[in-house]
N, C-alpha and C. Protein backbone atom coordinates (compact mmCIF):
# COMPACT_ATOMS: atom_id res chain seq x y z
N MET A 1 38.89 65.38 39.36
CA MET A 1 38.68 66.20 40.65
C MET A 1 39.99 67.10 40.75
N MET A 2 39.88 68.34 41.03
CA MET A 2 40.99 69.16 41.25
C MET A 2 41.46 69.03 42.62
N PRO A 3 42.81 69.02 42.83
CA PRO A 3 43.36 69.02 44.22
C PRO A 3 43.09 70.36 44.97
N SER A 4 42.76 70.27 46.26
CA SER A 4 42.49 71.49 46.96
C SER A 4 43.73 72.25 47.11
N PRO A 5 43.71 73.59 47.40
CA PRO A 5 44.94 74.35 47.62
C PRO A 5 45.73 73.74 48.94
N ASP A 6 45.02 73.25 49.91
CA ASP A 6 45.65 72.79 51.10
C ASP A 6 46.35 71.52 50.71
N LEU A 7 45.92 70.71 49.93
CA LEU A 7 46.67 69.43 49.44
C LEU A 7 47.84 69.83 48.72
N GLU A 8 47.74 70.82 47.79
CA GLU A 8 48.91 71.30 47.02
C GLU A 8 49.93 71.87 47.92
N ARG A 9 49.50 72.63 48.87
CA ARG A 9 50.58 73.18 49.85
C ARG A 9 51.21 72.07 50.61
N PHE A 10 50.50 71.06 51.05
CA PHE A 10 51.00 69.95 51.88
C PHE A 10 52.01 69.17 50.97
N ALA A 11 51.58 68.95 49.74
CA ALA A 11 52.39 68.15 48.92
C ALA A 11 53.77 68.98 48.53
N THR A 12 53.62 70.27 48.34
CA THR A 12 54.83 71.09 48.14
C THR A 12 55.65 71.10 49.43
N LEU A 13 55.11 71.18 50.58
CA LEU A 13 55.90 71.12 51.84
C LEU A 13 56.64 69.76 51.91
N ILE A 14 55.99 68.64 51.58
CA ILE A 14 56.62 67.33 51.71
C ILE A 14 57.82 67.25 50.60
N ALA A 15 57.42 67.78 49.29
CA ALA A 15 58.40 67.72 48.24
C ALA A 15 59.70 68.53 48.65
N ASP A 16 59.40 69.75 49.17
CA ASP A 16 60.59 70.51 49.54
C ASP A 16 61.43 69.86 50.73
N ASN A 17 60.70 69.20 51.58
CA ASN A 17 61.41 68.41 52.62
C ASN A 17 62.26 67.33 52.10
N VAL A 18 61.69 66.55 51.07
CA VAL A 18 62.36 65.62 50.47
C VAL A 18 63.71 66.07 49.72
N VAL A 19 63.50 67.02 48.90
CA VAL A 19 64.63 67.64 48.19
C VAL A 19 65.76 68.11 49.07
N THR A 20 65.29 68.78 50.22
CA THR A 20 66.37 69.31 51.20
C THR A 20 67.02 68.16 51.76
N ALA A 21 66.35 67.09 52.23
CA ALA A 21 67.02 65.88 52.84
C ALA A 21 67.86 65.22 51.87
N TYR A 22 67.38 65.09 50.61
CA TYR A 22 68.16 64.43 49.51
C TYR A 22 69.53 65.10 49.36
N GLU A 23 69.40 66.44 49.27
CA GLU A 23 70.66 67.30 49.06
C GLU A 23 71.60 67.15 50.29
N ARG A 24 71.04 67.19 51.38
CA ARG A 24 71.94 66.95 52.63
C ARG A 24 72.57 65.64 52.74
N ASP A 25 71.84 64.54 52.46
CA ASP A 25 72.23 63.22 52.47
C ASP A 25 73.20 62.92 51.40
N ARG A 26 73.30 63.69 50.34
CA ARG A 26 74.35 63.61 49.31
C ARG A 26 75.45 64.44 49.57
N GLU A 27 75.66 64.77 50.91
CA GLU A 27 76.81 65.50 51.53
C GLU A 27 76.90 66.93 50.84
N GLY A 28 75.72 67.58 50.86
CA GLY A 28 75.80 68.92 50.47
C GLY A 28 75.89 69.23 48.96
N ALA A 29 75.52 68.18 48.20
CA ALA A 29 75.63 68.39 46.71
C ALA A 29 74.17 68.96 46.27
N PRO A 30 74.05 70.24 46.29
CA PRO A 30 72.75 70.80 45.90
C PRO A 30 72.49 70.69 44.40
N PHE A 31 71.15 70.66 44.16
CA PHE A 31 70.68 70.64 42.80
C PHE A 31 70.86 72.13 42.26
N HIS A 32 71.15 72.19 40.97
CA HIS A 32 70.89 73.50 40.24
C HIS A 32 69.56 73.95 40.53
N PRO A 33 69.32 75.23 40.69
CA PRO A 33 67.89 75.68 40.93
C PRO A 33 66.88 75.24 40.10
N THR A 34 67.19 75.18 38.75
CA THR A 34 66.21 74.80 37.77
C THR A 34 65.91 73.26 37.97
N MET A 35 67.06 72.48 38.31
CA MET A 35 66.69 70.97 38.59
C MET A 35 65.94 70.80 39.88
N ARG A 36 66.26 71.73 40.89
CA ARG A 36 65.58 71.60 42.09
C ARG A 36 64.09 71.83 41.83
N THR A 37 63.78 72.76 41.08
CA THR A 37 62.28 73.07 40.75
C THR A 37 61.59 71.93 40.14
N THR A 38 62.27 71.42 39.15
CA THR A 38 61.87 70.22 38.44
C THR A 38 61.49 69.07 39.42
N VAL A 39 62.50 68.67 40.24
CA VAL A 39 62.24 67.62 41.15
C VAL A 39 61.14 67.89 42.10
N VAL A 40 60.98 69.07 42.60
CA VAL A 40 59.88 69.41 43.50
C VAL A 40 58.51 69.28 42.68
N SER A 41 58.46 69.72 41.45
CA SER A 41 57.36 69.61 40.68
C SER A 41 56.89 68.25 40.42
N VAL A 42 57.79 67.30 40.14
CA VAL A 42 57.50 65.90 39.90
C VAL A 42 57.07 65.24 41.20
N LEU A 43 57.75 65.59 42.26
CA LEU A 43 57.29 65.06 43.66
C LEU A 43 55.90 65.48 44.00
N VAL A 44 55.57 66.79 43.84
CA VAL A 44 54.14 67.21 44.15
C VAL A 44 53.23 66.43 43.25
N ARG A 45 53.50 66.34 41.92
CA ARG A 45 52.58 65.58 41.04
C ARG A 45 52.32 64.09 41.57
N SER A 46 53.44 63.45 41.87
CA SER A 46 53.25 62.05 42.49
C SER A 46 52.63 62.07 43.92
N LEU A 47 52.85 63.02 44.65
CA LEU A 47 52.16 63.09 45.94
C LEU A 47 50.58 63.40 45.84
N LEU A 48 50.24 64.22 44.84
CA LEU A 48 48.87 64.50 44.70
C LEU A 48 48.05 63.32 44.18
N LEU A 49 48.71 62.30 43.62
CA LEU A 49 48.05 61.14 43.28
C LEU A 49 47.59 60.25 44.31
N VAL A 50 48.20 60.41 45.61
CA VAL A 50 47.88 59.68 46.77
C VAL A 50 47.16 60.43 47.83
N LEU A 51 47.20 61.75 47.79
CA LEU A 51 46.72 62.60 48.80
C LEU A 51 45.14 62.78 48.58
N PRO A 52 44.37 62.83 49.57
CA PRO A 52 44.71 62.78 51.00
C PRO A 52 44.89 61.49 51.40
N THR A 53 45.86 61.21 52.34
CA THR A 53 46.16 59.96 52.94
C THR A 53 46.76 60.02 54.34
N THR A 54 46.64 59.22 55.22
CA THR A 54 47.38 59.26 56.50
C THR A 54 48.43 58.13 56.50
N SER A 55 48.67 57.47 55.44
CA SER A 55 49.62 56.46 55.25
C SER A 55 51.10 56.94 54.95
N SER A 56 51.84 56.72 55.92
CA SER A 56 53.23 57.22 55.67
C SER A 56 53.83 56.35 54.52
N GLY A 57 53.59 55.10 54.38
CA GLY A 57 53.98 54.29 53.39
C GLY A 57 53.59 54.68 51.98
N ALA A 58 52.30 55.15 51.84
CA ALA A 58 51.80 55.55 50.63
C ALA A 58 52.58 56.85 50.23
N LEU A 59 52.77 57.74 51.15
CA LEU A 59 53.43 58.99 50.85
C LEU A 59 54.89 58.84 50.51
N ALA A 60 55.55 57.99 51.20
CA ALA A 60 56.97 57.59 50.96
C ALA A 60 57.11 56.92 49.56
N ALA A 61 56.21 56.10 49.22
CA ALA A 61 56.29 55.43 47.91
C ALA A 61 55.97 56.43 46.69
N ALA A 62 55.13 57.31 46.98
CA ALA A 62 54.89 58.37 45.97
C ALA A 62 56.15 59.17 45.74
N CYS A 63 56.84 59.54 46.86
CA CYS A 63 58.05 60.36 46.78
C CYS A 63 59.13 59.57 46.04
N ASN A 64 59.18 58.33 46.33
CA ASN A 64 60.27 57.53 45.62
C ASN A 64 59.99 57.32 44.20
N ARG A 65 58.70 57.23 43.83
CA ARG A 65 58.32 57.13 42.38
C ARG A 65 58.77 58.43 41.79
N GLY A 66 58.50 59.57 42.38
CA GLY A 66 58.93 60.92 41.81
C GLY A 66 60.41 60.94 41.77
N LEU A 67 61.13 60.54 42.71
CA LEU A 67 62.64 60.59 42.64
C LEU A 67 63.13 59.70 41.49
N ASP A 68 62.60 58.48 41.43
CA ASP A 68 62.93 57.62 40.34
C ASP A 68 62.70 58.13 38.97
N ASP A 69 61.62 58.88 38.83
CA ASP A 69 61.26 59.51 37.52
C ASP A 69 62.14 60.47 37.12
N VAL A 70 62.82 61.21 38.05
CA VAL A 70 63.64 62.38 37.71
C VAL A 70 65.10 62.02 38.01
N VAL A 71 65.54 61.88 39.25
CA VAL A 71 67.01 61.62 39.45
C VAL A 71 67.45 60.14 39.03
N GLY A 72 66.52 59.27 39.17
CA GLY A 72 66.88 57.91 38.80
C GLY A 72 66.96 57.88 37.23
N ALA A 73 66.13 58.54 36.56
CA ALA A 73 66.13 58.48 35.12
C ALA A 73 67.42 59.08 34.46
N ILE A 74 67.98 60.02 35.24
CA ILE A 74 69.29 60.62 34.74
C ILE A 74 70.49 60.07 35.37
N GLY A 75 70.34 59.07 36.27
CA GLY A 75 71.40 58.29 36.76
C GLY A 75 72.09 58.93 37.98
N ILE A 76 71.40 59.77 38.70
CA ILE A 76 71.96 60.41 39.90
C ILE A 76 71.58 59.46 41.04
N GLY A 77 72.55 58.90 41.70
CA GLY A 77 72.28 58.03 42.85
C GLY A 77 71.96 58.90 44.07
N GLY A 78 71.34 58.27 45.08
CA GLY A 78 71.20 59.01 46.31
C GLY A 78 70.14 58.37 47.14
N PRO A 79 69.88 58.87 48.38
CA PRO A 79 69.02 58.28 49.22
C PRO A 79 67.60 58.26 48.69
N ARG A 80 66.77 57.39 49.33
CA ARG A 80 65.36 57.41 49.17
C ARG A 80 64.62 57.57 50.30
N VAL A 81 63.25 57.91 50.24
CA VAL A 81 62.43 58.21 51.39
C VAL A 81 61.95 56.92 52.05
N ASP A 82 62.23 57.01 53.41
CA ASP A 82 61.85 55.85 54.19
C ASP A 82 60.56 56.15 54.89
N HIS A 83 60.38 57.35 55.31
CA HIS A 83 59.11 57.63 56.06
C HIS A 83 58.73 59.07 55.86
N VAL A 84 57.35 59.31 55.75
CA VAL A 84 56.91 60.74 55.69
C VAL A 84 55.86 60.82 56.88
N ASP A 85 55.98 61.76 57.71
CA ASP A 85 55.05 61.99 58.69
C ASP A 85 53.86 62.61 58.07
N PRO A 86 52.65 61.92 58.13
CA PRO A 86 51.49 62.53 57.46
C PRO A 86 50.80 63.72 58.28
N ASP A 87 51.44 63.97 59.43
CA ASP A 87 50.88 65.15 60.21
C ASP A 87 51.54 66.39 59.92
N ASP A 88 52.90 66.26 59.74
CA ASP A 88 53.64 67.52 59.51
C ASP A 88 54.52 67.63 58.30
N GLY A 89 54.54 66.39 57.63
CA GLY A 89 55.25 66.39 56.27
C GLY A 89 56.78 66.20 56.43
N SER A 90 57.26 65.98 57.67
CA SER A 90 58.65 65.67 57.77
C SER A 90 59.09 64.30 57.20
N VAL A 91 60.28 64.23 56.73
CA VAL A 91 60.82 62.94 56.10
C VAL A 91 61.91 62.38 56.66
N THR A 92 61.98 61.11 56.53
CA THR A 92 63.18 60.31 56.93
C THR A 92 63.69 59.66 55.77
N MET A 93 65.09 59.81 55.51
CA MET A 93 65.68 59.25 54.32
C MET A 93 66.37 57.96 54.66
N THR A 94 66.61 57.04 53.67
CA THR A 94 67.54 55.93 53.96
C THR A 94 68.43 55.78 52.56
N ALA A 95 69.64 55.41 52.94
CA ALA A 95 70.67 55.25 51.90
C ALA A 95 70.26 54.00 51.15
N VAL A 96 70.54 54.02 49.74
CA VAL A 96 70.26 52.86 48.93
C VAL A 96 71.50 52.25 48.32
């Protein structure tokens, strides 16, 4: 089944929020633009596997799997997603 454009937009919104919060929580250490695009893409892919859902936990777990697949795989430490609001896509991060 193909994801709907609305689900893709929502997944992209969440992914952008996660990457922005990740960069902010790493004290302003932004990703290179190419890396940022890669991280967002991996997060969107992970999120589309669980969407549609109203479970904050399922969304947070999907985001953390995506982060582990990219930044964890190359050894970049940083925060992880604690909560994703299933209504507006806002995220809360936690230090690990």
